Structures are given as structure tokens and as C-alpha cells.
Amino acid sequence: LRALEVLRTVDLVAAEDTRRTRGLLEHYEIKASLVSYHEHNESDRTEELIQRLKSGTSIALVSDAGTPLVSDPGYALTAAARKQGVPVVPIPGACAAVAALMGAGLASDQFVFLGFIPRKGSQRQQLWDLLQGEKRTTIVYESPNRLLRSLRDMAACLPQRTVTVARELTKVHEEFVSGTVEEVLQVFAQRDSVKGEIVLLIAGAQEVAGGKAADLTDSEIKEMLIDLMELGNTKKQAIKQVAQMTDKRKQDIYALAVQISARQQ
């Protein structure tokens, strides 16, 4: 109700997509002037909007969905407004990251939000390496087209970790799928396709026994090594990572890696 009142009373609405926002305004019979403000014109449009704000114009910033600035445009404008002494008033609303945390059943007293999972292999590997020691619940966004790839990466780098996939939050087909990485991967791998907006939540490292994956068989260790090397790691790097993730001795993991090499020759 507060958001609707603001939209009715401001002089201008800066929208990520004016077409989508116009549909919202028309639904509530709100007549307002609209101007586009998105990632492609953010730097140029910011100065224009700041000048209008300083002249007394009231502006509401709206994103396509969710909350502005949370993986959406707006940071440059709010930062510039604060610097110029222009008041910035947040209007709380829907936020996929927080909504997913509320329904995931994972620890919520401490969490970290990392935005979208990187597309590039090296950057993705850096993320998985970072999360191996992360003890807080981690929240990330992912494209439905890359969800299976990310779950497979995590199965190799974060075995036994509990995860939740939250899909289409606040919509008709809202869904939460929770379990170990392998269990959740199996659920989505059986589907013809994955659609909708995806939030991926990863339990903290402390929720794995001893912070490491224990009691893994030699076959499972070999699978981890193969997966890590397929992700671009050298044999030495893969051995080191598996040693960090499990209770196995490095020399034992090395022996298994030698067996893999012999089999591939």
C-alpha cells in the first residue's frame, strides 16, 4: 500500500523497463510520467535524474521485479543522491533472495548473498573454492539454463552439502527442492527442461560432518577427481581440493589419481 501511494504522488517514475512498469501503473489506475533507467543507460541517466532531484522533482525508482539494487540497477543513482544530500527512502518489497531464505529451511541467522553465479569457468571455480570454507548460508541467483551445470559443479566441489533450489517465488508455480547436491541434481536432471527464475541456497560448511565429507568410497573419490579435472583443474590441484574437502590422506588420493591416469592411457 505504501509503494502504491508513493507511485501515485511522485513527479516521475524511473523504471528498468517502462513497458512493464506501465502495465503495473495502469492496473492500479495510476497516471505517472515514466523514464527508463536500466544497466545500459545508468551512467548517462544518473546525472540527469540527480539534477531533477536537486531542482525539487520527486522520483520513484522501480525495477522489473524484486527490489531495486539487489542484482538490479539503482546503485549509481542512490550513491549519487546521497553524495548530493538528496534523501533516499527505501520502500520494502519483494526480494527473491530473502523470500528464498525464509522458505528454504537453512540457517538464517547469518548468510551471504553473492548475486548471479559467474558464467566463465575460471570465475565459477573461484566461487566453488570460496564456498568450501564458507560457514554461512550462501544465496546466489542462477539462470535456469545453467542450473544443471552449477549443480554438477557443486557435486564435484561441495559434496554432501545441503542445498535448496527455490524456483518461481511468489508466482503460480513456486517450488522449493531441498536435499544434498546429488539429490537435488537428480530431481532436475530428470526433467525435460527447467524454467523460471532460480535462487540457489547452499548450507554452510559447518553443516557437513566435521566440515568435510567423510566415509567416501574410493570410487566416489575418483569421481570427484575426474569432475574437478574436467572443470579445468590440474591433477595436482584436484588432489589438493579433494584433500581439503574430505578426511582422506593426500597420499591416498594421489594413488587414486594415478589409477585414473593409468586407466585413461
C-alpha atoms as a PDB file:
ATOM      1  CA  LEU A   1       0.000   0.000   0.000  1.00  0.00           C
ATOM      2  CA  ARG A   2       2.838   2.367   0.817  1.00  0.00           C
ATOM      3  CA  ALA A   3       4.504   1.627  -2.528  1.00  0.00           C
ATOM      4  CA  LEU A   4       1.273   2.349  -4.404  1.00  0.00           C
ATOM      5  CA  GLU A   5       0.846   5.636  -2.555  1.00  0.00           C
ATOM      6  CA  VAL A   6       4.395   6.671  -3.457  1.00  0.00           C
ATOM      7  CA  LEU A   7       3.821   5.832  -7.125  1.00  0.00           C
ATOM      8  CA  ARG A   8       0.645   7.921  -7.089  1.00  0.00           C
ATOM      9  CA  THR A   9       2.286  11.001  -5.605  1.00  0.00           C
ATOM     10  CA  VAL A  10       5.782  11.259  -7.150  1.00  0.00           C
ATOM     11  CA  ASP A  11       6.512  13.538 -10.101  1.00  0.00           C
ATOM     12  CA  LEU A  12       8.425  10.904 -12.066  1.00  0.00           C
ATOM     13  CA  VAL A  13       8.929   7.120 -12.107  1.00  0.00           C
ATOM     14  CA  ALA A  14      12.336   5.816 -13.251  1.00  0.00           C
ATOM     15  CA  ALA A  15      11.759   2.268 -14.464  1.00  0.00           C
ATOM     16  CA  GLU A  16      14.048  -0.544 -15.582  1.00  0.00           C
ATOM     17  CA  ASP A  17      11.538  -1.333 -18.345  1.00  0.00           C
ATOM     18  CA  THR A  18       8.894   1.359 -18.896  1.00  0.00           C
ATOM     19  CA  ARG A  19       6.611  -1.108 -20.693  1.00  0.00           C
ATOM     20  CA  ARG A  20       6.437  -3.484 -17.750  1.00  0.00           C
ATOM     21  CA  THR A  21       6.046  -0.677 -15.217  1.00  0.00           C
ATOM     22  CA  ARG A  22       3.347   0.998 -17.303  1.00  0.00           C
ATOM     23  CA  GLY A  23       1.354  -2.224 -17.120  1.00  0.00           C
ATOM     24  CA  LEU A  24       1.624  -2.145 -13.314  1.00  0.00           C
ATOM     25  CA  LEU A  25       0.578   1.505 -13.118  1.00  0.00           C
ATOM     26  CA  GLU A  26      -2.355   1.031 -15.473  1.00  0.00           C
ATOM     27  CA  HIS A  27      -3.560  -1.934 -13.414  1.00  0.00           C
ATOM     28  CA  TYR A  28      -3.825   0.337 -10.371  1.00  0.00           C
ATOM     29  CA  GLU A  29      -5.107   3.275 -12.424  1.00  0.00           C
ATOM     30  CA  ILE A  30      -2.019   5.364 -11.648  1.00  0.00           C
ATOM     31  CA  LYS A  31      -1.125   8.102 -14.101  1.00  0.00           C
ATOM     32  CA  ALA A  32       2.564   8.946 -13.867  1.00  0.00           C
ATOM     33  CA  SER A  33       5.376  10.186 -16.076  1.00  0.00           C
ATOM     34  CA  LEU A  34       7.895   7.464 -16.881  1.00  0.00           C
ATOM     35  CA  VAL A  35      11.582   7.497 -17.825  1.00  0.00           C
ATOM     36  CA  SER A  36      13.795   4.476 -18.499  1.00  0.00           C
ATOM     37  CA  TYR A  37      16.645   3.658 -16.110  1.00  0.00           C
ATOM     38  CA  HIS A  38      18.496   0.406 -16.781  1.00  0.00           C
ATOM     39  CA  GLU A  39      22.002  -1.052 -16.927  1.00  0.00           C
ATOM     40  CA  HIS A  40      22.636   0.262 -20.450  1.00  0.00           C
ATOM     41  CA  ASN A  41      21.850   3.942 -19.730  1.00  0.00           C
ATOM     42  CA  GLU A  42      22.519   4.031 -15.977  1.00  0.00           C
ATOM     43  CA  SER A  43      25.701   6.107 -16.158  1.00  0.00           C
ATOM     44  CA  ASP A  44      24.245   8.725 -18.540  1.00  0.00           C
ATOM     45  CA  ARG A  45      20.784   8.908 -16.980  1.00  0.00           C
ATOM     46  CA  THR A  46      22.050   9.227 -13.391  1.00  0.00           C
ATOM     47  CA  GLU A  47      23.337  12.794 -13.818  1.00  0.00           C
ATOM     48  CA  GLU A  48      20.074  13.847 -15.478  1.00  0.00           C
ATOM     49  CA  LEU A  49      17.967  12.421 -12.650  1.00  0.00           C
ATOM     50  CA  ILE A  50      20.215  13.952  -9.976  1.00  0.00           C
ATOM     51  CA  GLN A  51      19.732  17.400 -11.494  1.00  0.00           C
ATOM     52  CA  ARG A  52      15.976  16.901 -11.487  1.00  0.00           C
ATOM     53  CA  LEU A  53      16.056  15.720  -7.872  1.00  0.00           C
ATOM     54  CA  LYS A  54      18.084  18.774  -6.839  1.00  0.00           C
ATOM     55  CA  SER A  55      15.518  21.011  -8.514  1.00  0.00           C
ATOM     56  CA  GLY A  56      12.787  19.520  -6.337  1.00  0.00           C
ATOM     57  CA  THR A  57      11.414  16.715  -8.513  1.00  0.00           C
ATOM     58  CA  SER A  58      10.376  13.610  -6.590  1.00  0.00           C
ATOM     59  CA  ILE A  59      11.347  10.348  -8.289  1.00  0.00           C
ATOM     60  CA  ALA A  60      10.430   6.718  -7.611  1.00  0.00           C
ATOM     61  CA  LEU A  61      12.860   4.041  -8.799  1.00  0.00           C
ATOM     62  CA  VAL A  62      11.262   0.774  -9.928  1.00  0.00           C
ATOM     63  CA  SER A  63      12.858  -2.467 -11.161  1.00  0.00           C
ATOM     64  CA  ASP A  64      11.151  -5.089 -13.335  1.00  0.00           C
ATOM     65  CA  ALA A  65      10.712  -7.469 -10.407  1.00  0.00           C
ATOM     66  CA  GLY A  66      12.009  -7.851  -6.884  1.00  0.00           C
ATOM     67  CA  THR A  67      13.902  -4.982  -5.277  1.00  0.00           C
ATOM     68  CA  PRO A  68      15.974  -2.254  -6.980  1.00  0.00           C
ATOM     69  CA  LEU A  69      19.760  -2.509  -6.412  1.00  0.00           C
ATOM     70  CA  VAL A  70      19.568  -6.217  -5.450  1.00  0.00           C
ATOM     71  CA  SER A  71      21.120  -7.565  -8.679  1.00  0.00           C
ATOM     72  CA  ASP A  72      19.186  -4.771 -10.407  1.00  0.00           C
ATOM     73  CA  PRO A  73      20.039  -1.182 -11.464  1.00  0.00           C
ATOM     74  CA  GLY A  74      19.999   1.693  -8.978  1.00  0.00           C
ATOM     75  CA  TYR A  75      23.291   1.757  -7.096  1.00  0.00           C
ATOM     76  CA  ALA A  76      24.770   4.624  -9.135  1.00  0.00           C
ATOM     77  CA  LEU A  77      21.670   6.748  -8.621  1.00  0.00           C
ATOM     78  CA  THR A  78      21.314   6.184  -4.870  1.00  0.00           C
ATOM     79  CA  ALA A  79      25.050   6.686  -4.302  1.00  0.00           C
ATOM     80  CA  ALA A  80      24.996   9.962  -6.263  1.00  0.00           C
ATOM     81  CA  ALA A  81      21.857  11.111  -4.458  1.00  0.00           C
ATOM     82  CA  ARG A  82      23.423  10.507  -1.055  1.00  0.00           C
ATOM     83  CA  LYS A  83      26.563  12.344  -2.130  1.00  0.00           C
ATOM     84  CA  GLN A  84      24.468  15.337  -3.217  1.00  0.00           C
ATOM     85  CA  GLY A  85      22.443  15.356   0.009  1.00  0.00           C
ATOM     86  CA  VAL A  86      19.266  14.126  -1.677  1.00  0.00           C
ATOM     87  CA  PRO A  87      17.173  11.915   0.654  1.00  0.00           C
ATOM     88  CA  VAL A  88      16.830   8.263  -0.359  1.00  0.00           C
ATOM     89  CA  VAL A  89      13.813   6.440   1.072  1.00  0.00           C
ATOM     90  CA  PRO A  90      13.694   2.619   0.682  1.00  0.00           C
ATOM     91  CA  ILE A  91      10.238   1.085   0.279  1.00  0.00           C
ATOM     92  CA  PRO A  92      10.497  -2.573   1.397  1.00  0.00           C
ATOM     93  CA  GLY A  93       9.008  -5.067  -1.026  1.00  0.00           C
ATOM     94  CA  ALA A  94       9.548  -8.452  -2.637  1.00  0.00           C
ATOM     95  CA  CYS A  95      13.164  -9.682  -2.722  1.00  0.00           C
ATOM     96  CA  ALA A  96      13.873 -13.140  -4.131  1.00  0.00           C
ATOM     97  CA  ALA A  97      16.990 -13.703  -2.006  1.00  0.00           C
ATOM     98  CA  VAL A  98      15.202 -13.004   1.278  1.00  0.00           C
ATOM     99  CA  ALA A  99      12.000 -14.802   0.264  1.00  0.00           C
ATOM    100  CA  ALA A 100      14.030 -17.894  -0.645  1.00  0.00           C
ATOM    101  CA  LEU A 101      15.875 -17.791   2.682  1.00  0.00           C
ATOM    102  CA  MET A 102      12.569 -17.598   4.530  1.00  0.00           C
ATOM    103  CA  GLY A 103      11.284 -20.792   2.919  1.00  0.00           C
ATOM    104  CA  ALA A 104      14.456 -22.859   2.468  1.00  0.00           C
ATOM    105  CA  GLY A 105      14.801 -24.243   5.978  1.00  0.00           C
ATOM    106  CA  LEU A 106      18.520 -23.393   6.131  1.00  0.00           C
ATOM    107  CA  ALA A 107      20.262 -21.375   8.833  1.00  0.00           C
ATOM    108  CA  SER A 108      19.190 -17.739   8.526  1.00  0.00           C
ATOM    109  CA  ASP A 109      20.973 -16.087  11.452  1.00  0.00           C
ATOM    110  CA  GLN A 110      23.981 -15.431   9.186  1.00  0.00           C
ATOM    111  CA  PHE A 111      24.010 -15.520   5.397  1.00  0.00           C
ATOM    112  CA  VAL A 112      25.869 -14.086   2.418  1.00  0.00           C
ATOM    113  CA  PHE A 113      24.347 -13.011  -0.921  1.00  0.00           C
ATOM    114  CA  LEU A 114      26.677 -13.241  -3.940  1.00  0.00           C
ATOM    115  CA  GLY A 115      24.374 -12.258  -6.809  1.00  0.00           C
ATOM    116  CA  PHE A 116      24.497 -14.268 -10.040  1.00  0.00           C
ATOM    117  CA  ILE A 117      26.851 -17.239 -10.422  1.00  0.00           C
ATOM    118  CA  PRO A 118      29.615 -16.271 -12.897  1.00  0.00           C
ATOM    119  CA  ARG A 119      29.427 -17.685 -16.420  1.00  0.00           C
ATOM    120  CA  LYS A 120      33.167 -18.105 -17.039  1.00  0.00           C
ATOM    121  CA  GLY A 121      34.805 -21.328 -15.921  1.00  0.00           C
ATOM    122  CA  SER A 122      37.711 -19.764 -14.018  1.00  0.00           C
ATOM    123  CA  GLN A 123      35.425 -17.382 -12.122  1.00  0.00           C
ATOM    124  CA  ARG A 124      33.000 -20.202 -11.336  1.00  0.00           C
ATOM    125  CA  GLN A 125      35.849 -22.306  -9.951  1.00  0.00           C
ATOM    126  CA  GLN A 126      36.910 -19.391  -7.742  1.00  0.00           C
ATOM    127  CA  LEU A 127      33.371 -19.285  -6.355  1.00  0.00           C
ATOM    128  CA  TRP A 128      33.317 -23.009  -5.556  1.00  0.00           C
ATOM    129  CA  ASP A 129      36.742 -22.704  -3.901  1.00  0.00           C
ATOM    130  CA  LEU A 130      35.453 -19.799  -1.796  1.00  0.00           C
ATOM    131  CA  LEU A 131      32.366 -21.711  -0.692  1.00  0.00           C
ATOM    132  CA  GLN A 132      34.342 -24.714   0.554  1.00  0.00           C
ATOM    133  CA  GLY A 133      35.175 -22.806   3.727  1.00  0.00           C
ATOM    134  CA  GLU A 134      32.071 -20.595   3.913  1.00  0.00           C
ATOM    135  CA  LYS A 135      30.225 -21.346   7.151  1.00  0.00           C
ATOM    136  CA  ARG A 136      27.249 -19.085   6.484  1.00  0.00           C
ATOM    137  CA  THR A 137      24.293 -19.927   4.277  1.00  0.00           C
ATOM    138  CA  THR A 138      25.090 -18.704   0.760  1.00  0.00           C
ATOM    139  CA  ILE A 139      22.433 -17.283  -1.574  1.00  0.00           C
ATOM    140  CA  VAL A 140      23.046 -16.964  -5.317  1.00  0.00           C
ATOM    141  CA  TYR A 141      20.955 -16.423  -8.428  1.00  0.00           C
ATOM    142  CA  GLU A 142      21.258 -18.703 -11.451  1.00  0.00           C
ATOM    143  CA  SER A 143      19.813 -18.952 -14.938  1.00  0.00           C
ATOM    144  CA  PRO A 144      17.509 -21.967 -15.439  1.00  0.00           C
ATOM    145  CA  ASN A 145      19.634 -22.874 -18.474  1.00  0.00           C
ATOM    146  CA  ARG A 146      22.755 -23.204 -16.309  1.00  0.00           C
ATOM    147  CA  LEU A 147      21.223 -24.731 -13.169  1.00  0.00           C
ATOM    148  CA  LEU A 148      22.239 -28.312 -14.008  1.00  0.00           C
ATOM    149  CA  ARG A 149      25.789 -27.197 -14.798  1.00  0.00           C
ATOM    150  CA  SER A 150      26.071 -25.443 -11.438  1.00  0.00           C
ATOM    151  CA  LEU A 151      24.642 -28.408  -9.541  1.00  0.00           C
ATOM    152  CA  ARG A 152      27.135 -30.726 -11.280  1.00  0.00           C
ATOM    153  CA  ASP A 153      29.990 -28.370 -10.403  1.00  0.00           C
ATOM    154  CA  MET A 154      28.844 -28.319  -6.794  1.00  0.00           C
ATOM    155  CA  ALA A 155      28.540 -32.100  -6.687  1.00  0.00           C
ATOM    156  CA  ALA A 156      32.243 -32.219  -7.509  1.00  0.00           C
ATOM    157  CA  CYS A 157      33.428 -29.323  -5.357  1.00  0.00           C
ATOM    158  CA  LEU A 158      30.936 -29.327  -2.450  1.00  0.00           C
ATOM    159  CA  PRO A 159      29.925 -32.974  -1.934  1.00  0.00           C
ATOM    160  CA  GLN A 160      27.376 -33.786   0.753  1.00  0.00           C
ATOM    161  CA  ARG A 161      26.467 -30.106   1.128  1.00  0.00           C
ATOM    162  CA  THR A 162      22.755 -29.406   1.642  1.00  0.00           C
ATOM    163  CA  VAL A 163      21.205 -27.104  -0.938  1.00  0.00           C
ATOM    164  CA  THR A 164      17.800 -25.676  -1.800  1.00  0.00           C
ATOM    165  CA  VAL A 165      16.612 -24.588  -5.211  1.00  0.00           C
ATOM    166  CA  ALA A 166      13.824 -22.007  -4.931  1.00  0.00           C
ATOM    167  CA  ARG A 167      12.027 -21.501  -8.238  1.00  0.00           C
ATOM    168  CA  GLU A 168       9.383 -19.012  -9.412  1.00  0.00           C
ATOM    169  CA  LEU A 169       8.979 -17.379  -5.996  1.00  0.00           C
ATOM    170  CA  THR A 170       5.642 -15.628  -5.336  1.00  0.00           C
ATOM    171  CA  LYS A 171       4.278 -16.983  -8.633  1.00  0.00           C
ATOM    172  CA  VAL A 172       1.782 -19.713  -9.527  1.00  0.00           C
ATOM    173  CA  HIS A 173       4.420 -22.441  -9.901  1.00  0.00           C
ATOM    174  CA  GLU A 174       6.502 -21.585  -6.818  1.00  0.00           C
ATOM    175  CA  GLU A 175       8.682 -24.527  -5.798  1.00  0.00           C
ATOM    176  CA  PHE A 176      11.319 -25.466  -3.208  1.00  0.00           C
ATOM    177  CA  VAL A 177      13.542 -28.512  -3.772  1.00  0.00           C
ATOM    178  CA  SER A 178      15.947 -29.388  -0.947  1.00  0.00           C
ATOM    179  CA  GLY A 179      18.459 -32.131  -0.201  1.00  0.00           C
ATOM    180  CA  THR A 180      22.089 -32.964  -0.818  1.00  0.00           C
ATOM    181  CA  VAL A 181      23.565 -31.582  -4.030  1.00  0.00           C
ATOM    182  CA  GLU A 182      23.330 -35.029  -5.650  1.00  0.00           C
ATOM    183  CA  GLU A 183      19.686 -35.452  -4.619  1.00  0.00           C
ATOM    184  CA  VAL A 184      18.652 -32.053  -5.958  1.00  0.00           C
ATOM    185  CA  LEU A 185      20.662 -32.612  -9.151  1.00  0.00           C
ATOM    186  CA  GLN A 186      18.851 -35.901  -9.702  1.00  0.00           C
ATOM    187  CA  VAL A 187      15.450 -34.194  -9.367  1.00  0.00           C
ATOM    188  CA  PHE A 188      16.168 -31.543 -12.002  1.00  0.00           C
ATOM    189  CA  ALA A 189      18.159 -33.844 -14.307  1.00  0.00           C
ATOM    190  CA  GLN A 190      15.027 -35.967 -14.750  1.00  0.00           C
ATOM    191  CA  ARG A 191      13.004 -33.031 -16.078  1.00  0.00           C
ATOM    192  CA  ASP A 192      12.685 -32.206 -19.762  1.00  0.00           C
ATOM    193  CA  SER A 193      13.570 -28.580 -19.015  1.00  0.00           C
ATOM    194  CA  VAL A 194      13.989 -26.119 -16.156  1.00  0.00           C
ATOM    195  CA  LYS A 195      12.104 -22.843 -16.379  1.00  0.00           C
ATOM    196  CA  GLY A 196      11.598 -19.714 -14.297  1.00  0.00           C
ATOM    197  CA  GLU A 197      13.708 -17.569 -12.026  1.00  0.00           C
ATOM    198  CA  ILE A 198      16.087 -19.556  -9.820  1.00  0.00           C
ATOM    199  CA  VAL A 199      17.509 -18.858  -6.360  1.00  0.00           C
ATOM    200  CA  LEU A 200      20.107 -21.358  -5.140  1.00  0.00           C
ATOM    201  CA  LEU A 201      20.836 -21.603  -1.405  1.00  0.00           C
ATOM    202  CA  ILE A 202      23.840 -23.533  -0.083  1.00  0.00           C
ATOM    203  CA  ALA A 203      24.164 -24.617   3.538  1.00  0.00           C
ATOM    204  CA  GLY A 204      27.247 -23.517   5.448  1.00  0.00           C
ATOM    205  CA  ALA A 205      30.275 -25.790   5.669  1.00  0.00           C
ATOM    206  CA  GLN A 206      29.663 -26.492   9.355  1.00  0.00           C
ATOM    207  CA  GLU A 207      26.541 -28.447   8.451  1.00  0.00           C
ATOM    208  CA  VAL A 208      28.704 -31.135   6.880  1.00  0.00           C
ATOM    209  CA  ALA A 209      30.060 -33.582   9.471  1.00  0.00           C
ATOM    210  CA  GLY A 210      33.346 -32.174  10.704  1.00  0.00           C
ATOM    211  CA  GLY A 211      33.248 -29.601   7.909  1.00  0.00           C
ATOM    212  CA  LYS A 212      34.350 -32.367   5.491  1.00  0.00           C
ATOM    213  CA  ALA A 213      32.774 -35.170   3.519  1.00  0.00           C
ATOM    214  CA  ALA A 214      33.555 -38.303   5.494  1.00  0.00           C
ATOM    215  CA  ASP A 215      33.313 -42.039   4.677  1.00  0.00           C
ATOM    216  CA  LEU A 216      33.526 -41.617   0.909  1.00  0.00           C
ATOM    217  CA  THR A 217      34.422 -44.714  -1.091  1.00  0.00           C
ATOM    218  CA  ASP A 218      37.424 -44.860  -3.417  1.00  0.00           C
ATOM    219  CA  SER A 219      35.011 -44.841  -6.352  1.00  0.00           C
ATOM    220  CA  GLU A 220      33.386 -41.627  -5.080  1.00  0.00           C
ATOM    221  CA  ILE A 221      36.808 -40.025  -4.573  1.00  0.00           C
ATOM    222  CA  LYS A 222      37.749 -40.917  -8.145  1.00  0.00           C
ATOM    223  CA  GLU A 223      34.535 -39.347  -9.424  1.00  0.00           C
ATOM    224  CA  MET A 224      35.367 -36.139  -7.533  1.00  0.00           C
ATOM    225  CA  LEU A 225      38.862 -36.085  -9.037  1.00  0.00           C
ATOM    226  CA  ILE A 226      37.535 -36.647 -12.567  1.00  0.00           C
ATOM    227  CA  ASP A 227      34.867 -33.947 -12.150  1.00  0.00           C
ATOM    228  CA  LEU A 228      37.402 -31.431 -10.840  1.00  0.00           C
ATOM    229  CA  MET A 229      39.832 -32.115 -13.666  1.00  0.00           C
ATOM    230  CA  GLU A 230      37.016 -31.792 -16.210  1.00  0.00           C
ATOM    231  CA  LEU A 231      36.359 -28.357 -14.705  1.00  0.00           C
ATOM    232  CA  GLY A 232      39.897 -27.364 -15.748  1.00  0.00           C
ATOM    233  CA  ASN A 233      41.934 -28.227 -12.644  1.00  0.00           C
ATOM    234  CA  THR A 234      45.287 -29.977 -12.990  1.00  0.00           C
ATOM    235  CA  LYS A 235      45.731 -33.354 -11.299  1.00  0.00           C
ATOM    236  CA  LYS A 236      47.734 -31.684  -8.521  1.00  0.00           C
ATOM    237  CA  GLN A 237      45.027 -29.043  -7.972  1.00  0.00           C
ATOM    238  CA  ALA A 238      42.291 -31.676  -7.942  1.00  0.00           C
ATOM    239  CA  ILE A 239      44.163 -33.782  -5.376  1.00  0.00           C
ATOM    240  CA  LYS A 240      44.650 -30.751  -3.123  1.00  0.00           C
ATOM    241  CA  GLN A 241      40.969 -29.785  -3.305  1.00  0.00           C
ATOM    242  CA  VAL A 242      39.751 -33.304  -2.571  1.00  0.00           C
ATOM    243  CA  ALA A 243      42.124 -33.485   0.400  1.00  0.00           C
ATOM    244  CA  GLN A 244      40.629 -30.247   1.732  1.00  0.00           C
ATOM    245  CA  MET A 245      37.070 -31.500   1.249  1.00  0.00           C
ATOM    246  CA  THR A 246      37.454 -34.989   2.699  1.00  0.00           C
ATOM    247  CA  ASP A 247      39.095 -36.901   5.535  1.00  0.00           C
ATOM    248  CA  LYS A 248      41.319 -38.837   3.114  1.00  0.00           C
ATOM    249  CA  ARG A 249      45.101 -38.548   3.285  1.00  0.00           C
ATOM    250  CA  LYS A 250      46.691 -36.742   0.348  1.00  0.00           C
ATOM    251  CA  GLN A 251      48.915 -39.724  -0.481  1.00  0.00           C
ATOM    252  CA  ASP A 252      45.857 -41.989  -0.692  1.00  0.00           C
ATOM    253  CA  ILE A 253      44.110 -39.520  -3.009  1.00  0.00           C
ATOM    254  CA  TYR A 254      47.271 -39.324  -5.137  1.00  0.00           C
ATOM    255  CA  ALA A 255      47.257 -43.118  -5.511  1.00  0.00           C
ATOM    256  CA  LEU A 256      43.664 -42.981  -6.757  1.00  0.00           C
ATOM    257  CA  ALA A 257      44.580 -40.186  -9.197  1.00  0.00           C
ATOM    258  CA  VAL A 258      47.390 -42.384 -10.571  1.00  0.00           C
ATOM    259  CA  GLN A 259      44.859 -45.172 -11.145  1.00  0.00           C
ATOM    260  CA  ILE A 260      42.679 -42.740 -13.111  1.00  0.00           C
ATOM    261  CA  SER A 261      45.629 -41.659 -15.254  1.00  0.00           C
ATOM    262  CA  ALA A 262      46.589 -45.274 -15.943  1.00  0.00           C
ATOM    263  CA  ARG A 263      43.039 -46.120 -16.957  1.00  0.00           C
ATOM    264  CA  GLN A 264      42.853 -43.154 -19.347  1.00  0.00           C
ATOM    265  CA  GLN A 265      46.102 -44.054 -21.147  1.00  0.00           C
END
